[in-house]
Amino acid sequence: MSNLLVQNIKHTNNTTSMTVDSSGQVTIRGEGSATTTNLQQGLAKVWVQFDGTASGAASRDSFNVSSMADGGTGNYTVNFSNNMSNDDYASAGIGNTSSITSEAVTTSTLNTLSANSSGSLADVTIMAASILGDLA
């Protein structure tokens, strides 16, 4: 097996576009500027798209999701395969014909609620959620 050992990846004009430090953290050059962004910090750590009307809230596709639970009408829990380092992560969700809110976040789960236009909890056929933050 071969290894490619690098610290910087540069464009042919000699501008650095990517740096890898000794801990393996990757920093990339920001869009149109000299600022940099930590690559690992900018990635979604969990995402799921699921059917909220199916028994058990059936996931259609996901990343870093071990299972899901249906807590009743419009109430779903997403269980992570790999925990977050704390419960201060950012979550976002969307559902067809509904509004989504986060409730009761922990380092290993996200509980979401789906409501219809009148504000009542409701199951929906298409729901999606994503998590941004630090993995443990």
N, C-alpha and C. Protein backbone atom coordinates (compact mmCIF):
# COMPACT_ATOMS: atom_id res chain seq x y z
N MET A 1 0.85 -1.17 0.00
CA MET A 1 0.00 0.00 0.00
C MET A 1 0.89 1.23 0.00
N SER A 2 0.49 2.24 -0.74
CA SER A 2 1.24 3.49 -0.82
C SER A 2 0.53 4.57 -0.03
N ASN A 3 1.30 5.55 0.43
CA ASN A 3 0.76 6.71 1.13
C ASN A 3 1.15 7.97 0.37
N LEU A 4 0.26 8.91 0.33
CA LEU A 4 0.53 10.22 -0.23
C LEU A 4 0.64 11.17 0.96
N LEU A 5 1.82 11.70 1.20
CA LEU A 5 2.06 12.57 2.35
C LEU A 5 2.09 14.02 1.87
N VAL A 6 1.16 14.83 2.39
CA VAL A 6 1.09 16.24 2.01
C VAL A 6 0.77 17.11 3.21
N GLN A 7 1.16 18.36 3.12
CA GLN A 7 0.74 19.36 4.10
C GLN A 7 -0.12 20.42 3.41
N ASN A 8 0.18 20.70 2.15
CA ASN A 8 -0.54 21.73 1.40
C ASN A 8 -0.84 21.21 0.00
N ILE A 9 -1.99 21.58 -0.51
CA ILE A 9 -2.33 21.35 -1.91
C ILE A 9 -2.47 22.73 -2.52
N LYS A 10 -1.73 22.96 -3.60
CA LYS A 10 -1.68 24.29 -4.21
C LYS A 10 -2.15 24.25 -5.65
N HIS A 11 -2.66 25.39 -6.08
CA HIS A 11 -3.00 25.61 -7.48
C HIS A 11 -1.70 25.86 -8.25
N THR A 12 -1.73 25.75 -9.56
CA THR A 12 -0.52 26.00 -10.36
C THR A 12 -0.01 27.42 -10.22
N ASN A 13 -0.85 28.36 -9.75
CA ASN A 13 -0.38 29.73 -9.52
C ASN A 13 0.25 29.89 -8.14
N ASN A 14 0.46 28.79 -7.43
CA ASN A 14 1.12 28.70 -6.12
C ASN A 14 0.27 29.19 -4.95
N THR A 15 -1.04 29.34 -5.13
CA THR A 15 -1.91 29.68 -4.00
C THR A 15 -2.37 28.39 -3.33
N THR A 16 -2.28 28.36 -2.01
CA THR A 16 -2.68 27.18 -1.25
C THR A 16 -4.19 27.09 -1.19
N SER A 17 -4.74 25.94 -1.58
CA SER A 17 -6.19 25.77 -1.52
C SER A 17 -6.61 24.85 -0.38
N MET A 18 -5.68 23.99 0.09
CA MET A 18 -6.02 23.05 1.14
C MET A 18 -4.78 22.76 1.99
N THR A 19 -4.98 22.69 3.32
CA THR A 19 -3.90 22.38 4.24
C THR A 19 -4.34 21.24 5.15
N VAL A 20 -3.44 20.31 5.42
CA VAL A 20 -3.70 19.21 6.34
C VAL A 20 -2.71 19.34 7.48
N ASP A 21 -3.22 19.49 8.73
CA ASP A 21 -2.29 19.62 9.86
C ASP A 21 -1.92 18.25 10.41
N SER A 22 -1.06 18.22 11.41
CA SER A 22 -0.53 16.95 11.93
C SER A 22 -1.59 16.09 12.60
N SER A 23 -2.75 16.67 12.99
CA SER A 23 -3.82 15.87 13.59
C SER A 23 -4.80 15.35 12.55
N GLY A 24 -4.60 15.72 11.26
CA GLY A 24 -5.47 15.26 10.19
C GLY A 24 -6.60 16.22 9.87
N GLN A 25 -6.66 17.37 10.55
CA GLN A 25 -7.69 18.37 10.26
C GLN A 25 -7.38 19.03 8.92
N VAL A 26 -8.41 19.20 8.10
CA VAL A 26 -8.25 19.77 6.78
C VAL A 26 -8.86 21.17 6.75
N THR A 27 -8.10 22.14 6.28
CA THR A 27 -8.56 23.51 6.14
C THR A 27 -8.56 23.86 4.66
N ILE A 28 -9.66 24.43 4.20
CA ILE A 28 -9.77 24.81 2.79
C ILE A 28 -9.93 26.32 2.67
N ARG A 29 -9.52 26.84 1.54
CA ARG A 29 -9.65 28.27 1.27
C ARG A 29 -11.11 28.59 0.99
N GLY A 30 -11.61 29.68 1.57
CA GLY A 30 -13.00 30.10 1.40
C GLY A 30 -13.29 30.58 -0.01
N GLU A 31 -14.56 30.69 -0.32
CA GLU A 31 -15.00 31.13 -1.64
C GLU A 31 -14.58 32.56 -1.92
N GLY A 32 -13.73 32.74 -2.93
CA GLY A 32 -13.36 34.07 -3.41
C GLY A 32 -12.60 34.94 -2.43
N SER A 33 -11.97 34.34 -1.42
CA SER A 33 -11.26 35.17 -0.45
C SER A 33 -10.06 34.42 0.12
N ALA A 34 -9.35 35.10 0.98
CA ALA A 34 -8.19 34.49 1.62
C ALA A 34 -8.56 33.83 2.95
N THR A 35 -9.82 33.89 3.35
CA THR A 35 -10.23 33.25 4.60
C THR A 35 -10.25 31.74 4.42
N THR A 36 -10.16 31.02 5.53
CA THR A 36 -10.17 29.56 5.47
C THR A 36 -11.31 28.99 6.31
N THR A 37 -11.68 27.76 5.99
CA THR A 37 -12.74 27.05 6.70
C THR A 37 -12.24 25.65 7.04
N ASN A 38 -12.52 25.20 8.26
CA ASN A 38 -12.20 23.84 8.65
C ASN A 38 -13.19 22.92 7.98
N LEU A 39 -12.71 21.99 7.17
CA LEU A 39 -13.59 21.11 6.39
C LEU A 39 -14.49 20.27 7.29
N GLN A 40 -13.96 19.67 8.34
CA GLN A 40 -14.77 18.81 9.20
C GLN A 40 -15.90 19.59 9.87
N GLN A 41 -15.68 20.86 10.21
CA GLN A 41 -16.71 21.66 10.86
C GLN A 41 -17.87 21.97 9.93
N GLY A 42 -17.62 21.98 8.62
CA GLY A 42 -18.65 22.37 7.68
C GLY A 42 -19.49 21.23 7.12
N LEU A 43 -19.30 20.03 7.61
CA LEU A 43 -20.02 18.87 7.09
C LEU A 43 -21.21 18.50 7.97
N ALA A 44 -22.29 18.04 7.33
CA ALA A 44 -23.42 17.51 8.11
C ALA A 44 -22.97 16.23 8.79
N LYS A 45 -23.24 16.10 10.07
CA LYS A 45 -22.84 14.91 10.83
C LYS A 45 -23.94 13.86 10.88
N VAL A 46 -25.19 14.28 10.66
CA VAL A 46 -26.34 13.39 10.62
C VAL A 46 -27.32 13.96 9.61
N TRP A 47 -27.93 13.12 8.80
CA TRP A 47 -29.08 13.55 7.99
C TRP A 47 -29.97 12.36 7.73
N VAL A 48 -31.24 12.64 7.55
CA VAL A 48 -32.22 11.59 7.28
C VAL A 48 -33.39 12.16 6.49
N GLN A 49 -33.92 11.35 5.59
CA GLN A 49 -35.16 11.68 4.90
C GLN A 49 -36.07 10.48 5.13
N PHE A 50 -37.28 10.72 5.64
CA PHE A 50 -38.13 9.59 6.03
C PHE A 50 -39.60 9.85 5.78
N ASP A 51 -40.37 8.77 5.85
CA ASP A 51 -41.83 8.80 5.72
C ASP A 51 -42.42 8.78 7.12
N GLY A 52 -43.01 9.90 7.52
CA GLY A 52 -43.59 10.01 8.85
C GLY A 52 -44.94 9.33 8.99
N THR A 53 -45.52 8.86 7.87
CA THR A 53 -46.80 8.16 7.96
C THR A 53 -46.62 6.66 8.10
N ALA A 54 -45.40 6.17 7.84
CA ALA A 54 -45.13 4.73 7.92
C ALA A 54 -44.97 4.31 9.38
N SER A 55 -45.24 3.07 9.65
CA SER A 55 -45.08 2.54 11.00
C SER A 55 -43.62 2.64 11.41
N GLY A 56 -43.34 3.30 12.53
CA GLY A 56 -41.98 3.44 13.01
C GLY A 56 -41.19 4.54 12.33
N ALA A 57 -41.82 5.36 11.52
CA ALA A 57 -41.14 6.45 10.79
C ALA A 57 -40.02 5.87 9.94
N ALA A 58 -40.36 5.31 8.80
CA ALA A 58 -39.42 4.58 7.95
C ALA A 58 -38.46 5.51 7.20
N SER A 59 -37.17 5.32 7.46
CA SER A 59 -36.13 6.09 6.79
C SER A 59 -36.02 5.66 5.33
N ARG A 60 -36.01 6.63 4.42
CA ARG A 60 -35.78 6.33 3.00
C ARG A 60 -34.29 6.30 2.71
N ASP A 61 -33.55 7.21 3.34
CA ASP A 61 -32.10 7.27 3.20
C ASP A 61 -31.58 8.08 4.37
N SER A 62 -30.33 7.81 4.77
CA SER A 62 -29.80 8.51 5.92
C SER A 62 -28.29 8.39 5.99
N PHE A 63 -27.71 9.18 6.88
CA PHE A 63 -26.30 9.12 7.20
C PHE A 63 -26.16 9.26 8.71
N ASN A 64 -25.41 8.36 9.34
CA ASN A 64 -25.16 8.35 10.78
C ASN A 64 -26.44 8.23 11.59
N VAL A 65 -27.41 7.47 11.08
CA VAL A 65 -28.66 7.21 11.79
C VAL A 65 -28.75 5.71 12.05
N SER A 66 -28.85 5.32 13.32
CA SER A 66 -28.94 3.90 13.67
C SER A 66 -30.37 3.39 13.62
N SER A 67 -31.32 4.23 14.01
CA SER A 67 -32.73 3.84 14.00
C SER A 67 -33.59 5.08 14.20
N MET A 68 -34.88 4.86 14.05
CA MET A 68 -35.86 5.92 14.28
C MET A 68 -36.99 5.38 15.13
N ALA A 69 -37.66 6.27 15.83
CA ALA A 69 -38.82 5.87 16.63
C ALA A 69 -39.97 6.82 16.34
N ASP A 70 -41.16 6.26 16.30
CA ASP A 70 -42.38 7.03 16.10
C ASP A 70 -43.03 7.21 17.46
N GLY A 71 -43.05 8.46 17.96
CA GLY A 71 -43.59 8.73 19.28
C GLY A 71 -45.05 9.14 19.28
N GLY A 72 -45.74 8.88 18.18
CA GLY A 72 -47.13 9.28 18.06
C GLY A 72 -47.28 10.26 16.92
N THR A 73 -48.47 10.76 16.73
CA THR A 73 -48.76 11.67 15.61
C THR A 73 -47.80 12.85 15.60
N GLY A 74 -47.03 12.98 14.50
CA GLY A 74 -46.13 14.11 14.31
C GLY A 74 -44.94 14.17 15.23
N ASN A 75 -44.61 13.09 15.91
CA ASN A 75 -43.52 13.07 16.89
C ASN A 75 -42.54 11.96 16.52
N TYR A 76 -41.31 12.32 16.20
CA TYR A 76 -40.32 11.35 15.72
C TYR A 76 -39.00 11.54 16.45
N THR A 77 -38.30 10.43 16.69
CA THR A 77 -36.98 10.48 17.30
C THR A 77 -35.98 9.85 16.34
N VAL A 78 -34.90 10.57 16.07
CA VAL A 78 -33.81 10.09 15.24
C VAL A 78 -32.67 9.71 16.18
N ASN A 79 -32.23 8.44 16.12
CA ASN A 79 -31.14 7.96 16.95
C ASN A 79 -29.86 7.91 16.13
N PHE A 80 -28.78 8.50 16.64
CA PHE A 80 -27.53 8.59 15.92
C PHE A 80 -26.70 7.33 16.07
N SER A 81 -25.98 6.95 15.03
CA SER A 81 -25.02 5.84 15.09
C SER A 81 -23.80 6.25 15.89
N ASN A 82 -23.32 7.46 15.66
CA ASN A 82 -22.17 8.02 16.39
C ASN A 82 -22.63 9.29 17.08
N ASN A 83 -22.40 9.38 18.38
CA ASN A 83 -22.89 10.50 19.18
C ASN A 83 -22.21 11.82 18.83
N MET A 84 -22.91 12.89 19.14
CA MET A 84 -22.35 14.23 19.06
C MET A 84 -21.55 14.49 20.34
N SER A 85 -20.63 15.45 20.31
CA SER A 85 -19.80 15.71 21.49
C SER A 85 -20.58 16.43 22.59
N ASN A 86 -21.65 17.15 22.21
CA ASN A 86 -22.50 17.83 23.19
C ASN A 86 -23.88 18.03 22.55
N ASP A 87 -24.81 18.59 23.31
CA ASP A 87 -26.16 18.79 22.76
C ASP A 87 -26.38 20.22 22.27
N ASP A 88 -25.30 20.91 21.97
CA ASP A 88 -25.39 22.29 21.47
C ASP A 88 -25.27 22.37 19.95
N TYR A 89 -25.57 21.29 19.26
CA TYR A 89 -25.47 21.27 17.80
C TYR A 89 -26.65 21.99 17.16
N ALA A 90 -26.52 22.27 15.88
CA ALA A 90 -27.60 22.91 15.12
C ALA A 90 -28.38 21.86 14.36
N SER A 91 -29.69 21.95 14.41
CA SER A 91 -30.53 21.02 13.66
C SER A 91 -31.45 21.81 12.74
N ALA A 92 -31.76 21.20 11.62
CA ALA A 92 -32.69 21.81 10.67
C ALA A 92 -33.59 20.72 10.14
N GLY A 93 -34.84 21.06 9.89
CA GLY A 93 -35.78 20.06 9.38
C GLY A 93 -36.79 20.68 8.45
N ILE A 94 -37.35 19.85 7.60
CA ILE A 94 -38.38 20.30 6.67
C ILE A 94 -39.33 19.14 6.41
N GLY A 95 -40.57 19.45 6.17
CA GLY A 95 -41.55 18.43 5.84
C GLY A 95 -42.56 18.99 4.85
N ASN A 96 -43.09 18.11 4.01
CA ASN A 96 -44.11 18.61 3.08
C ASN A 96 -45.37 18.96 3.86
N THR A 97 -45.93 20.09 3.60
CA THR A 97 -47.15 20.62 4.21
C THR A 97 -47.10 20.68 5.73
N SER A 98 -45.92 20.97 6.27
CA SER A 98 -45.84 21.03 7.73
C SER A 98 -44.72 21.96 8.16
N SER A 99 -44.73 22.30 9.45
CA SER A 99 -43.61 22.99 10.05
C SER A 99 -42.94 22.01 10.99
N ILE A 100 -41.63 22.14 11.12
CA ILE A 100 -40.85 21.19 11.91
C ILE A 100 -40.18 21.95 13.05
N THR A 101 -40.20 21.39 14.24
CA THR A 101 -39.46 21.96 15.36
C THR A 101 -38.65 20.86 16.02
N SER A 102 -37.55 21.25 16.64
CA SER A 102 -36.72 20.31 17.40
C SER A 102 -37.14 20.38 18.85
N GLU A 103 -37.04 19.26 19.51
CA GLU A 103 -37.42 19.18 20.91
C GLU A 103 -36.52 18.14 21.55
N ALA A 104 -36.16 18.30 22.78
CA ALA A 104 -35.44 17.28 23.55
C ALA A 104 -34.23 16.72 22.80
N VAL A 105 -33.24 17.56 22.55
CA VAL A 105 -32.03 17.08 21.91
C VAL A 105 -31.08 16.51 22.95
N THR A 106 -30.38 15.45 22.60
CA THR A 106 -29.34 14.87 23.43
C THR A 106 -28.13 14.62 22.54
N THR A 107 -27.06 14.08 23.09
CA THR A 107 -25.88 13.78 22.28
C THR A 107 -26.11 12.59 21.36
N SER A 108 -27.17 11.82 21.60
CA SER A 108 -27.40 10.61 20.80
C SER A 108 -28.73 10.59 20.05
N THR A 109 -29.60 11.59 20.29
CA THR A 109 -30.90 11.60 19.63
C THR A 109 -31.36 13.03 19.32
N LEU A 110 -32.26 13.11 18.36
CA LEU A 110 -32.97 14.35 18.05
C LEU A 110 -34.44 14.00 17.99
N ASN A 111 -35.24 14.71 18.75
CA ASN A 111 -36.69 14.52 18.71
C ASN A 111 -37.28 15.67 17.92
N THR A 112 -38.08 15.36 16.90
CA THR A 112 -38.69 16.39 16.06
C THR A 112 -40.21 16.29 16.11
N LEU A 113 -40.85 17.42 15.94
CA LEU A 113 -42.30 17.48 15.90
C LEU A 113 -42.71 18.09 14.56
N SER A 114 -43.78 17.57 13.99
CA SER A 114 -44.30 18.05 12.72
C SER A 114 -45.73 18.53 12.94
N ALA A 115 -46.00 19.77 12.51
CA ALA A 115 -47.35 20.33 12.70
C ALA A 115 -47.92 20.80 11.37
N ASN A 116 -49.23 20.69 11.23
CA ASN A 116 -49.90 21.17 10.01
C ASN A 116 -50.13 22.68 10.11
N SER A 117 -50.78 23.26 9.10
CA SER A 117 -50.95 24.71 9.04
C SER A 117 -51.79 25.27 10.18
N SER A 118 -52.61 24.45 10.82
CA SER A 118 -53.39 24.94 11.96
C SER A 118 -52.65 24.77 13.28
N GLY A 119 -51.43 24.22 13.23
CA GLY A 119 -50.62 24.08 14.43
C GLY A 119 -50.79 22.76 15.15
N SER A 120 -51.63 21.87 14.63
CA SER A 120 -51.82 20.56 15.26
C SER A 120 -50.75 19.58 14.79
N LEU A 121 -50.27 18.73 15.70
CA LEU A 121 -49.30 17.71 15.31
C LEU A 121 -49.90 16.84 14.21
N ALA A 122 -49.07 16.53 13.19
CA ALA A 122 -49.56 15.76 12.05
C ALA A 122 -48.43 14.93 11.45
N ASP A 123 -48.74 13.71 11.02
CA ASP A 123 -47.79 12.88 10.29
C ASP A 123 -47.72 13.37 8.85
N VAL A 124 -46.53 13.33 8.27
CA VAL A 124 -46.35 13.75 6.89
C VAL A 124 -45.57 12.68 6.13
N THR A 125 -45.75 12.65 4.82
CA THR A 125 -45.10 11.60 4.02
C THR A 125 -43.63 11.87 3.76
N ILE A 126 -43.23 13.13 3.70
CA ILE A 126 -41.82 13.44 3.46
C ILE A 126 -41.32 14.38 4.54
N MET A 127 -40.34 13.90 5.30
CA MET A 127 -39.67 14.72 6.33
C MET A 127 -38.18 14.54 6.17
N ALA A 128 -37.44 15.58 6.49
CA ALA A 128 -35.98 15.51 6.43
C ALA A 128 -35.41 16.32 7.58
N ALA A 129 -34.28 15.85 8.11
CA ALA A 129 -33.60 16.55 9.18
C ALA A 129 -32.09 16.41 9.00
N SER A 130 -31.36 17.42 9.43
CA SER A 130 -29.90 17.35 9.39
C SER A 130 -29.34 17.96 10.66
N ILE A 131 -28.13 17.53 11.01
CA ILE A 131 -27.44 17.98 12.21
C ILE A 131 -26.06 18.48 11.82
N LEU A 132 -25.70 19.66 12.34
CA LEU A 132 -24.36 20.22 12.17
C LEU A 132 -23.79 20.44 13.55
N GLY A 133 -22.54 20.06 13.76
CA GLY A 133 -21.89 20.21 15.05
C GLY A 133 -20.68 19.30 15.13
N ASP A 134 -20.25 19.01 16.33
CA ASP A 134 -19.04 18.21 16.55
C ASP A 134 -19.41 16.80 16.99
N LEU A 135 -18.82 15.81 16.30
CA LEU A 135 -18.97 14.43 16.74
C LEU A 135 -18.12 14.19 17.98
N ALA A 136 -18.53 13.24 18.81
CA ALA A 136 -17.78 12.91 20.02
C ALA A 136 -16.46 12.26 19.66
